Amino acid sequence: MKASIWKVAAVVGVSIAVGIAAGYWLARPRLSEVPAAAVGQGAAAESKALYWYDPMYPQQKFDKPGKSPFMDMQLVPRYVEGEGAQGENAAVRIDPSLTQNLGLRLASVTRGVLASSVDAVGVLAFNEREVAVVQPRTAGFVERVYARAPGDLLKANAALADILVPEWAAAQEEFLALKASGDAALLAAARQRLRLSGMPAALIAQVERSGKVQPNLTLSSPIGGVLQELNVRQGMTLAAGETLARVNGLSSVWLAVAVAESQAGSLVPGQLAEARLPAFPGEVFAGKVDVILPEANADSRTLRVRVELANPQGRLRPGMSAQVSLKRSTQQFLLWVPSEAVIRTGRRALVMLAEDGGRYRPLEVQPGPDNAGQTAILQGLEEGQQVVASGQFLLDSEASLKGIVAASLAEPAAVLHEAEGQILAIDSQEVTLAHGPFKSLGMPAMTMTFPLANPGLMQGLKVGDKVRVALSQSGNELRVELLEKAGSQP
């Protein structure tokens, strides 16, 4: 009995040993991966951390570990090994085989001519300079109103209303009596009184020719066009100078064109414009830019450009729409990239520059005008470079998570304004000069005190020295950048 128990125990022990050995053998490949990761973490832990950052706000750096002030998470260290990817050569690396899977599409930076025209949409409107207002020159009564209504198309001299002017009857009778007397001087004086009473010259001539009193006056439209207002009714009493009608001419019309503010900077009055209207397919109406209105539309971010079009046949009606091509007078060769390649953050514009080996790095650029889906680049790129036109936001997010920040564009050198003068007082902070005119500033010769850019400028100089001075301007402040004895080399 005891012998059989020992046999069973031996079999169980052997089975357990075999199981342990097999488990170790199966687990060995996976366990072999752990030390590698652990070693990597240990190496990173032993490396010197340059700074700590929050992955959600990688631009903010901290000099010690701890919790992020922005998010409820621990700060992440940036080690020396990773700093090699920072600075001017900072880049995101992507395996070239994954480019297509990520939807990345590249475009070349090309050089081309700034478009010779700007295409926009416009609407025809009345020419507000071609307006006639009908008013009586004297008080009277409306005896008849002709069949007119606002919106009617009138010809020149179209009758609007007949009015009775009682005052004219007595004045005309006196004029006719003096005519019968044969006194030329008195007749001329009476004719002048009729003219001053507001009577038209044609009516005075009619009275003199017919010898009959004409107290009625027919008010008519002085020009042909559209009757915009008609404020007269039969039986009304009219005061002198009261507006009875307003007529808008149609010999020319205005074309109000909405131009995107990004394209309006190069437009100037006098540029040629071509309009194509759906009402007249195949026809082109030519005009010129009359004025660029000074106020932009805050909702559509457009500027309104006014074009004047001749309308001798009256076919152009206010309210019609038109496709407009505004011809530019100058041509410039600029660098162009697809507009979608430009990432606008609100404070600056970036592109993702593609480099060899699947490297992509953010680069700040200065964008110019847009045209036909292309954006001009004024600074930051060179012809022939490759930029990411699709998928650039994914790369920009990855760069932000890694703390890669695009370098800022170099600021232009400060402009210096030069003149000569004599030192009246000087110390480490400022200098008082009796200087000649600064022509580039429009400043005449005078005595004035200027702050010094640095105390070293006063070295070797004393009161009474004649000097050459160069100023920089920042807002309303002028500062001495260069101060040396006259005649010495800079």
Protein backbone atom coordinates (compact mmCIF):
# COMPACT_ATOMS: atom_id res chain seq x y z
CA MET A 1 0.00 0.00 0.00
CA LYS A 2 2.74 2.39 0.96
CA ALA A 3 4.68 1.41 -2.16
CA SER A 4 1.76 2.31 -4.43
CA ILE A 5 1.32 5.68 -2.68
CA TRP A 6 4.97 6.49 -3.26
CA LYS A 7 4.61 5.53 -6.94
CA VAL A 8 1.66 7.91 -7.38
CA ALA A 9 3.55 10.71 -5.64
CA ALA A 10 6.54 10.17 -7.88
CA VAL A 11 4.40 10.33 -11.02
CA VAL A 12 2.73 13.56 -9.83
CA GLY A 13 6.10 15.11 -9.02
CA VAL A 14 7.48 14.26 -12.42
CA SER A 15 4.39 15.75 -14.09
CA ILE A 16 4.73 19.00 -12.15
CA ALA A 17 8.41 19.28 -13.06
CA VAL A 18 7.67 18.69 -16.73
CA GLY A 19 4.89 21.33 -16.60
CA ILE A 20 7.18 23.90 -15.02
CA ALA A 21 9.87 23.23 -17.59
CA ALA A 22 7.40 23.51 -20.46
CA GLY A 23 5.94 26.74 -19.09
CA TYR A 24 9.38 28.24 -18.78
CA TRP A 25 10.22 27.21 -22.33
CA LEU A 26 6.99 28.74 -23.72
CA ALA A 27 7.35 31.94 -21.76
CA ARG A 28 11.02 32.49 -22.55
CA PRO A 29 10.51 34.35 -25.87
CA ARG A 30 8.08 36.81 -24.29
CA LEU A 31 10.15 37.34 -21.22
CA SER A 32 13.12 38.07 -23.44
CA GLU A 33 11.28 41.14 -24.68
CA VAL A 34 10.80 42.58 -21.20
CA PRO A 35 14.44 43.20 -20.34
CA ALA A 36 14.90 45.21 -23.56
CA ALA A 37 12.04 47.54 -22.67
CA ALA A 38 13.16 47.74 -19.09
CA VAL A 39 16.67 48.58 -20.18
CA GLY A 40 15.34 51.31 -22.45
CA GLN A 41 13.35 52.81 -19.62
CA GLY A 42 16.31 52.57 -17.31
CA ALA A 43 18.53 54.30 -19.85
CA ALA A 44 15.97 57.06 -20.25
CA ALA A 45 15.70 57.40 -16.50
CA GLU A 46 19.47 57.73 -16.22
CA SER A 47 19.62 60.35 -19.01
CA LYS A 48 19.54 63.97 -18.01
CA ALA A 49 16.10 65.54 -18.54
CA LEU A 50 16.33 68.88 -20.30
CA TYR A 51 12.87 69.96 -19.17
CA TRP A 52 9.38 68.63 -18.45
CA TYR A 53 6.24 69.44 -20.45
CA ASP A 54 2.53 68.71 -20.73
CA PRO A 55 1.82 66.81 -24.00
CA MET A 56 -1.36 68.84 -24.38
CA TYR A 57 0.63 72.10 -24.11
CA PRO A 58 4.10 71.15 -25.42
CA GLN A 59 5.17 74.75 -25.92
CA GLN A 60 5.23 75.35 -22.13
CA LYS A 61 8.42 74.03 -20.49
CA PHE A 62 8.99 73.29 -16.78
CA ASP A 63 12.32 72.91 -14.97
CA LYS A 64 11.19 70.12 -12.61
CA PRO A 65 8.71 67.22 -12.56
CA GLY A 66 5.27 67.37 -11.08
CA LYS A 67 1.63 67.71 -12.04
CA SER A 68 0.61 69.78 -15.04
CA PRO A 69 -1.11 73.06 -14.17
CA PHE A 70 -3.27 72.62 -17.27
CA MET A 71 -4.41 68.98 -17.01
CA ASP A 72 -4.68 66.45 -14.18
CA MET A 73 -1.65 64.46 -15.31
CA GLN A 74 2.06 64.15 -14.63
CA LEU A 75 4.54 66.20 -16.66
CA VAL A 76 6.58 64.27 -19.23
CA PRO A 77 10.39 64.65 -19.33
CA ARG A 78 12.28 65.63 -22.47
CA TYR A 79 15.71 63.93 -22.49
CA VAL A 80 18.98 64.91 -24.12
CA GLU A 81 18.56 62.13 -26.68
CA GLY A 82 15.36 63.74 -27.93
CA GLU A 83 16.72 67.25 -28.00
CA GLY A 84 18.66 66.50 -31.15
CA ALA A 85 15.34 66.75 -32.97
CA GLN A 86 14.74 70.26 -31.70
CA GLY A 87 15.71 73.61 -33.11
CA GLU A 88 16.16 74.42 -36.77
CA ASN A 89 16.30 70.76 -37.85
CA ALA A 90 13.30 69.66 -35.75
CA ALA A 91 11.23 67.19 -37.73
CA VAL A 92 8.59 64.48 -37.54
CA ARG A 93 9.77 61.21 -39.04
CA ILE A 94 7.33 58.92 -40.85
CA ASP A 95 8.16 55.68 -42.62
CA PRO A 96 7.84 56.41 -46.37
CA SER A 97 5.85 53.18 -46.77
CA LEU A 98 3.11 54.66 -44.53
CA THR A 99 2.79 57.92 -46.47
CA GLN A 100 -0.02 56.67 -48.68
CA ASN A 101 -1.88 55.04 -45.78
CA LEU A 102 -1.85 58.34 -43.87
CA GLY A 103 -3.19 60.25 -46.89
CA LEU A 104 -0.18 62.54 -47.20
CA ARG A 105 0.05 64.41 -50.47
CA LEU A 106 2.94 66.67 -51.44
CA ALA A 107 3.03 69.74 -53.66
CA SER A 108 5.97 71.64 -55.10
CA VAL A 109 6.68 75.31 -54.43
CA THR A 110 6.44 76.91 -57.86
CA ARG A 111 7.17 80.37 -59.17
CA GLY A 112 4.60 82.08 -61.35
CA VAL A 113 2.94 85.30 -62.36
CA LEU A 114 0.42 86.96 -60.10
CA ALA A 115 -2.93 86.47 -61.81
CA SER A 116 -3.69 89.22 -64.28
CA SER A 117 -7.30 89.41 -63.18
CA VAL A 118 -9.55 88.94 -60.17
CA ASP A 119 -12.87 87.17 -60.69
CA ALA A 120 -15.78 88.26 -58.56
CA VAL A 121 -19.54 88.70 -58.53
CA GLY A 122 -21.33 92.02 -58.91
CA VAL A 123 -24.79 93.53 -58.96
CA LEU A 124 -25.96 96.43 -61.14
CA ALA A 125 -27.24 99.55 -59.40
CA PHE A 126 -28.37 103.05 -60.35
CA ASN A 127 -25.72 105.66 -60.99
CA GLU A 128 -26.36 108.01 -58.09
CA ARG A 129 -24.54 110.81 -59.88
CA GLU A 130 -27.20 110.83 -62.60
CA VAL A 131 -30.19 112.04 -60.57
CA ALA A 132 -32.67 114.84 -61.31
CA VAL A 133 -34.96 116.35 -58.66
CA VAL A 134 -38.13 118.19 -59.78
CA GLN A 135 -39.17 121.16 -57.56
CA PRO A 136 -41.37 124.22 -58.14
CA ARG A 137 -39.60 127.56 -57.81
CA THR A 138 -42.72 129.25 -56.47
CA ALA A 139 -45.85 128.34 -54.49
CA GLY A 140 -48.92 127.17 -56.36
CA PHE A 141 -51.77 124.68 -56.70
CA VAL A 142 -51.76 121.33 -58.50
CA GLU A 143 -54.40 121.36 -61.23
CA ARG A 144 -53.46 118.16 -63.07
CA VAL A 145 -51.25 115.12 -62.49
CA TYR A 146 -50.24 113.07 -65.52
CA ALA A 147 -50.54 109.27 -65.46
CA ARG A 148 -47.19 108.51 -63.89
CA ALA A 149 -46.12 106.14 -61.11
CA PRO A 150 -42.81 105.25 -59.42
CA GLY A 151 -40.89 102.77 -61.55
CA ASP A 152 -42.07 104.23 -64.88
CA LEU A 153 -39.49 104.72 -67.60
CA LEU A 154 -39.61 108.36 -68.69
CA LYS A 155 -38.21 110.20 -71.66
CA ALA A 156 -36.54 113.58 -71.27
CA ASN A 157 -39.06 116.46 -70.85
CA ALA A 158 -41.90 114.06 -69.99
CA ALA A 159 -44.74 116.01 -68.33
CA LEU A 160 -45.46 115.22 -64.68
CA ALA A 161 -47.97 117.82 -63.40
CA ASP A 162 -49.62 121.20 -64.22
CA ILE A 163 -49.63 123.79 -61.46
CA LEU A 164 -51.39 127.18 -61.16
CA VAL A 165 -49.32 130.10 -59.87
CA PRO A 166 -51.67 133.01 -59.04
CA GLU A 167 -48.79 135.43 -58.41
CA TRP A 168 -47.67 135.10 -62.01
CA ALA A 169 -50.97 136.38 -63.42
CA ALA A 170 -50.56 139.93 -62.03
CA ALA A 171 -46.85 140.06 -62.92
CA GLN A 172 -47.55 138.96 -66.51
CA GLU A 173 -50.35 141.56 -66.94
CA GLU A 174 -47.95 144.28 -65.81
CA PHE A 175 -45.34 142.99 -68.25
CA LEU A 176 -47.83 143.06 -71.15
CA ALA A 177 -48.92 146.63 -70.24
CA LEU A 178 -45.32 147.85 -70.29
CA LYS A 179 -44.79 146.15 -73.61
CA ALA A 180 -47.70 148.09 -75.07
CA SER A 181 -46.24 151.39 -73.77
CA GLY A 182 -43.09 150.86 -75.81
CA ASP A 183 -40.67 151.78 -72.97
CA ALA A 184 -37.77 149.37 -73.54
CA ALA A 185 -36.07 150.02 -70.17
CA LEU A 186 -39.22 149.38 -68.16
CA LEU A 187 -39.99 146.31 -70.26
CA ALA A 188 -36.53 144.87 -69.52
CA ALA A 189 -37.04 145.48 -65.80
CA ALA A 190 -40.43 143.74 -65.88
CA ARG A 191 -38.94 140.79 -67.75
CA GLN A 192 -36.29 140.48 -65.07
CA ARG A 193 -38.97 140.45 -62.33
CA LEU A 194 -40.74 137.59 -64.09
CA ARG A 195 -37.49 135.64 -64.24
CA LEU A 196 -36.80 136.25 -60.52
CA SER A 197 -40.28 135.05 -59.60
CA GLY A 198 -39.32 131.60 -60.84
CA MET A 199 -40.95 131.75 -64.25
CA PRO A 200 -39.06 129.71 -66.90
CA ALA A 201 -37.55 131.62 -69.81
CA ALA A 202 -39.65 129.59 -72.27
CA LEU A 203 -42.87 130.65 -70.53
CA ILE A 204 -41.82 134.34 -70.52
CA ALA A 205 -41.13 134.12 -74.25
CA GLN A 206 -44.55 132.52 -74.80
CA VAL A 207 -46.31 135.33 -72.89
CA GLU A 208 -44.42 138.00 -74.83
CA ARG A 209 -45.12 136.29 -78.16
CA SER A 210 -48.82 135.53 -77.58
CA GLY A 211 -49.72 138.62 -75.58
CA LYS A 212 -51.80 136.47 -73.21
CA VAL A 213 -51.41 135.73 -69.51
CA GLN A 214 -50.07 132.21 -68.81
CA PRO A 215 -50.39 131.47 -65.06
CA ASN A 216 -50.09 127.68 -65.51
CA LEU A 217 -46.78 125.82 -65.45
CA THR A 218 -46.12 122.25 -66.60
CA LEU A 219 -43.47 120.50 -64.51
CA SER A 220 -41.49 117.93 -66.51
CA SER A 221 -38.55 115.56 -66.09
CA PRO A 222 -35.30 117.24 -67.17
CA ILE A 223 -33.71 113.86 -68.06
CA GLY A 224 -34.79 110.46 -69.26
CA GLY A 225 -34.73 107.59 -66.80
CA VAL A 226 -36.66 105.80 -64.08
CA LEU A 227 -39.18 107.70 -61.97
CA GLN A 228 -38.06 106.88 -58.44
CA GLU A 229 -40.38 109.17 -56.45
CA LEU A 230 -43.63 111.01 -57.24
CA ASN A 231 -44.96 113.13 -54.36
CA VAL A 232 -47.67 115.17 -56.07
CA ARG A 233 -51.47 114.74 -56.22
CA GLN A 234 -54.21 116.78 -57.86
CA GLY A 235 -55.51 119.60 -55.63
CA MET A 236 -52.37 119.84 -53.50
CA THR A 237 -50.97 123.17 -52.38
CA LEU A 238 -47.27 123.37 -53.14
CA ALA A 239 -44.59 125.38 -51.38
CA ALA A 240 -41.58 126.78 -53.19
CA GLY A 241 -38.73 124.24 -53.25
CA GLU A 242 -40.89 121.25 -52.33
CA THR A 243 -39.66 117.99 -53.94
CA LEU A 244 -42.28 116.61 -56.30
CA ALA A 245 -40.35 113.91 -58.15
CA ARG A 246 -36.99 112.20 -58.38
CA VAL A 247 -35.71 110.69 -61.62
CA ASN A 248 -32.67 108.41 -61.98
CA GLY A 249 -30.96 108.37 -65.37
CA LEU A 250 -29.97 105.13 -67.15
CA SER A 251 -27.35 106.33 -69.63
CA SER A 252 -24.80 104.65 -67.33
CA VAL A 253 -25.06 102.26 -64.38
CA TRP A 254 -22.89 101.25 -61.47
CA LEU A 255 -21.68 97.70 -60.98
CA ALA A 256 -21.09 96.97 -57.29
CA VAL A 257 -18.48 94.17 -57.06
CA ALA A 258 -17.66 92.26 -53.86
CA VAL A 259 -13.93 91.45 -53.79
CA ALA A 260 -12.32 89.34 -51.08
CA GLU A 261 -10.12 91.54 -48.90
CA SER A 262 -7.16 89.23 -49.55
CA GLN A 263 -7.37 90.16 -53.25
CA ALA A 264 -8.37 93.80 -52.97
CA GLY A 265 -4.97 95.14 -51.96
CA SER A 266 -3.65 95.28 -55.53
CA LEU A 267 -6.71 96.96 -57.08
CA VAL A 268 -6.58 100.63 -58.03
CA PRO A 269 -9.11 103.02 -59.58
CA GLY A 270 -8.99 103.07 -63.37
CA GLN A 271 -8.37 99.34 -63.85
CA LEU A 272 -10.21 97.66 -66.68
CA ALA A 273 -13.26 95.56 -65.84
CA GLU A 274 -15.22 93.09 -67.93
CA ALA A 275 -18.77 92.08 -66.99
CA ARG A 276 -20.73 89.10 -68.29
CA LEU A 277 -24.45 88.98 -67.52
CA PRO A 278 -26.67 85.87 -67.63
CA ALA A 279 -29.29 88.00 -69.42
CA PHE A 280 -26.94 88.56 -72.38
CA PRO A 281 -24.92 85.36 -72.90
CA GLY A 282 -21.80 85.77 -75.00
CA GLU A 283 -21.64 89.56 -74.58
CA VAL A 284 -18.93 91.38 -72.67
CA PHE A 285 -19.56 94.84 -71.20
CA ALA A 286 -16.38 96.83 -70.61
CA GLY A 287 -15.86 99.48 -67.95
CA LYS A 288 -13.35 100.85 -65.47
CA VAL A 289 -13.02 100.73 -61.71
CA ASP A 290 -14.50 104.02 -60.56
CA VAL A 291 -13.74 103.79 -56.84
CA ILE A 292 -12.83 101.26 -54.15
CA LEU A 293 -15.12 102.01 -51.23
CA PRO A 294 -13.26 102.59 -47.94
CA GLU A 295 -15.32 100.27 -45.71
CA ALA A 296 -15.17 96.46 -45.72
CA ASN A 297 -18.12 94.18 -45.03
CA ALA A 298 -17.46 92.66 -41.60
CA ASP A 299 -19.65 89.59 -42.25
CA SER A 300 -18.37 88.51 -45.68
CA ARG A 301 -14.84 90.01 -45.31
CA THR A 302 -15.12 91.68 -48.70
CA LEU A 303 -14.50 95.14 -50.08
CA ARG A 304 -16.94 96.77 -52.48
CA VAL A 305 -15.53 97.98 -55.77
CA ARG A 306 -17.63 100.28 -57.96
CA VAL A 307 -17.39 99.92 -61.73
CA GLU A 308 -19.17 102.35 -64.10
CA LEU A 309 -20.66 100.84 -67.26
CA ALA A 310 -22.04 102.75 -70.23
CA ASN A 311 -25.69 101.93 -70.97
CA PRO A 312 -26.63 103.79 -74.19
CA GLN A 313 -29.39 101.33 -75.15
CA GLY A 314 -30.79 101.02 -71.65
CA ARG A 315 -30.47 97.23 -71.61
CA LEU A 316 -28.58 97.10 -68.32
CA ARG A 317 -31.13 97.16 -65.52
CA PRO A 318 -30.27 97.76 -61.85
CA GLY A 319 -30.58 94.55 -59.87
CA MET A 320 -29.07 92.29 -62.54
CA SER A 321 -26.14 90.12 -61.47
CA ALA A 322 -22.86 89.78 -63.34
CA GLN A 323 -19.62 87.81 -63.34
CA VAL A 324 -16.83 90.36 -63.26
CA SER A 325 -13.18 90.11 -64.23
CA LEU A 326 -11.03 92.94 -62.86
CA LYS A 327 -7.83 93.29 -64.87
CA ARG A 328 -4.71 94.02 -62.87
CA SER A 329 -2.29 96.59 -64.18
CA THR A 330 0.91 94.96 -62.82
CA GLN A 331 2.42 91.49 -62.93
CA GLN A 332 4.70 89.98 -60.30
CA PHE A 333 6.60 86.69 -60.19
CA LEU A 334 5.85 85.09 -56.83
CA LEU A 335 6.22 81.71 -55.13
CA TRP A 336 2.97 79.72 -55.00
CA VAL A 337 1.71 76.76 -52.95
CA PRO A 338 -1.78 75.22 -52.73
CA SER A 339 -3.90 77.25 -50.34
CA GLU A 340 -4.79 74.07 -48.42
CA ALA A 341 -1.10 73.60 -47.56
CA VAL A 342 -1.06 76.76 -45.41
CA ILE A 343 -1.98 76.25 -41.75
CA ARG A 344 -3.28 79.53 -40.31
CA THR A 345 -3.19 79.61 -36.51
CA GLY A 346 -4.53 83.13 -36.14
CA ARG A 347 -1.16 84.54 -35.10
CA ARG A 348 1.00 83.17 -37.89
CA ALA A 349 0.96 80.88 -40.93
CA LEU A 350 2.79 77.55 -41.18
CA VAL A 351 3.50 74.87 -43.75
CA MET A 352 4.84 71.34 -43.23
CA LEU A 353 8.05 71.14 -45.24
CA ALA A 354 8.87 67.69 -46.64
CA GLU A 355 12.53 66.64 -46.45
CA ASP A 356 14.50 63.52 -47.37
CA GLY A 357 14.07 60.32 -45.39
CA GLY A 358 10.41 60.85 -44.52
CA ARG A 359 11.13 63.93 -42.40
CA TYR A 360 8.56 66.72 -42.05
CA ARG A 361 9.08 69.91 -40.11
CA PRO A 362 6.88 72.94 -39.45
CA LEU A 363 8.03 76.15 -41.08
CA GLU A 364 6.63 79.62 -40.59
CA VAL A 365 5.86 81.51 -43.81
CA GLN A 366 4.52 84.91 -44.79
CA PRO A 367 1.51 84.36 -47.07
CA GLY A 368 0.52 86.80 -49.78
CA PRO A 369 -2.58 87.07 -51.99
CA ASP A 370 -4.75 84.06 -52.90
CA ASN A 371 -5.75 83.21 -56.44
CA ALA A 372 -7.49 80.17 -57.97
CA GLY A 373 -6.75 77.88 -55.03
CA GLN A 374 -3.11 79.00 -54.75
CA THR A 375 -1.51 81.20 -52.09
CA ALA A 376 1.52 83.36 -52.74
CA ILE A 377 4.40 82.95 -50.28
CA LEU A 378 6.34 86.18 -49.74
CA GLN A 379 8.89 84.79 -47.27
CA GLY A 380 9.93 81.45 -45.80
CA LEU A 381 10.12 79.07 -48.80
CA GLU A 382 12.25 78.53 -51.87
CA GLU A 383 11.30 77.40 -55.33
CA GLY A 384 11.38 73.61 -55.78
CA GLN A 385 10.79 72.70 -52.12
CA GLN A 386 8.04 70.24 -51.24
CA VAL A 387 5.20 71.01 -48.82
CA VAL A 388 2.42 68.79 -47.49
CA ALA A 389 -0.87 69.67 -49.17
CA SER A 390 -3.00 66.96 -47.52
CA GLY A 391 -2.57 65.49 -44.06
CA GLN A 392 -0.58 68.48 -42.82
CA PHE A 393 -2.79 68.93 -39.75
CA LEU A 394 -1.96 65.39 -38.62
CA LEU A 395 1.75 66.15 -38.89
CA ASP A 396 1.33 69.50 -37.15
CA SER A 397 -0.44 67.80 -34.23
CA GLU A 398 2.35 65.22 -33.98
CA ALA A 399 4.96 67.99 -34.03
CA SER A 400 3.12 69.79 -31.22
CA LEU A 401 3.00 66.64 -29.11
CA LYS A 402 6.74 66.23 -29.54
CA GLY A 403 7.38 69.84 -28.63
CA ILE A 404 8.64 70.76 -32.10
CA VAL A 405 8.02 74.47 -32.63
CA ALA A 406 8.49 76.23 -35.97
CA ALA A 407 11.19 78.86 -35.97
CA SER A 408 9.92 82.42 -36.44
CA LEU A 409 10.66 84.37 -39.57
CA ALA A 410 13.65 86.66 -39.36
CA GLU A 411 12.59 90.20 -38.62
CA PRO A 412 13.73 92.84 -41.16
CA ALA A 413 16.68 94.98 -40.17
CA ALA A 414 15.76 98.24 -38.51
CA VAL A 415 15.86 101.32 -40.70
CA LEU A 416 18.35 103.93 -39.48
CA HIS A 417 17.94 107.68 -39.99
CA GLU A 418 21.24 109.55 -40.20
CA ALA A 419 22.38 113.15 -39.66
CA GLU A 420 25.32 115.12 -38.28
CA GLY A 421 25.44 117.24 -35.16
CA GLN A 422 27.40 118.46 -32.14
CA ILE A 423 27.28 117.05 -28.61
CA LEU A 424 25.94 119.52 -26.03
CA ALA A 425 25.62 117.02 -23.16
CA ILE A 426 26.18 113.29 -22.81
CA ASP A 427 26.07 110.52 -20.18
CA SER A 428 25.55 106.75 -20.19
CA GLN A 429 21.80 107.09 -20.68
CA GLU A 430 21.25 109.92 -23.18
CA VAL A 431 22.85 112.55 -25.36
CA THR A 432 21.80 116.11 -26.18
CA LEU A 433 22.61 117.12 -29.76
CA ALA A 434 22.43 120.23 -31.88
CA HIS A 435 21.80 118.23 -35.04
CA GLY A 436 21.15 118.87 -38.68
CA PRO A 437 18.01 117.67 -40.48
CA PHE A 438 17.06 113.99 -40.50
CA LYS A 439 15.77 113.95 -44.08
CA SER A 440 14.34 110.43 -43.97
CA LEU A 441 12.29 111.40 -40.89
CA GLY A 442 11.27 114.81 -42.17
CA MET A 443 12.79 116.31 -39.00
CA PRO A 444 14.38 119.76 -39.38
CA ALA A 445 17.60 120.88 -37.66
CA MET A 446 17.12 121.49 -33.92
CA THR A 447 18.50 120.77 -30.45
CA MET A 448 17.11 117.59 -28.92
CA THR A 449 17.90 114.90 -26.33
CA PHE A 450 17.86 111.22 -27.40
CA PRO A 451 18.24 108.01 -25.34
CA LEU A 452 21.26 105.81 -26.11
CA ALA A 453 20.76 102.21 -27.25
CA ASN A 454 23.66 101.17 -24.97
CA PRO A 455 26.11 103.01 -22.65
CA GLY A 456 29.11 102.03 -24.80
CA LEU A 457 28.13 104.60 -27.42
CA MET A 458 29.51 107.42 -25.22
CA GLN A 459 32.99 105.96 -25.06
CA GLY A 460 35.63 108.35 -26.46
CA LEU A 461 33.17 111.21 -26.93
CA LYS A 462 32.84 114.48 -25.05
CA VAL A 463 30.89 117.71 -25.09
CA GLY A 464 31.71 119.79 -28.16
CA ASP A 465 32.55 116.85 -30.45
CA LYS A 466 31.04 116.92 -33.91
CA VAL A 467 29.47 113.53 -34.54
CA ARG A 468 27.56 111.42 -37.01
CA VAL A 469 24.39 110.02 -35.45
CA ALA A 470 21.98 107.29 -36.59
CA LEU A 471 18.53 106.89 -35.02
CA SER A 472 16.07 104.00 -35.00
CA GLN A 473 12.34 104.61 -34.65
CA SER A 474 9.88 102.45 -32.73
CA GLY A 475 6.44 104.01 -32.70
CA ASN A 476 6.96 107.58 -31.52
CA GLU A 477 10.27 106.82 -29.78
CA LEU A 478 13.64 107.68 -31.34
CA ARG A 479 16.82 106.03 -30.05
CA VAL A 480 20.50 106.51 -30.89
CA GLU A 481 21.92 103.33 -32.43
CA LEU A 482 25.19 104.78 -33.75
CA LEU A 483 27.22 107.75 -32.47
CA GLU A 484 30.73 108.48 -33.69
CA LYS A 485 32.98 111.42 -34.48
CA ALA A 486 32.26 113.02 -37.82
CA GLY A 487 34.61 111.83 -40.54
CA SER A 488 35.41 108.45 -38.92
CA GLN A 489 34.50 105.18 -40.62
CA PRO A 490 31.60 103.12 -39.24
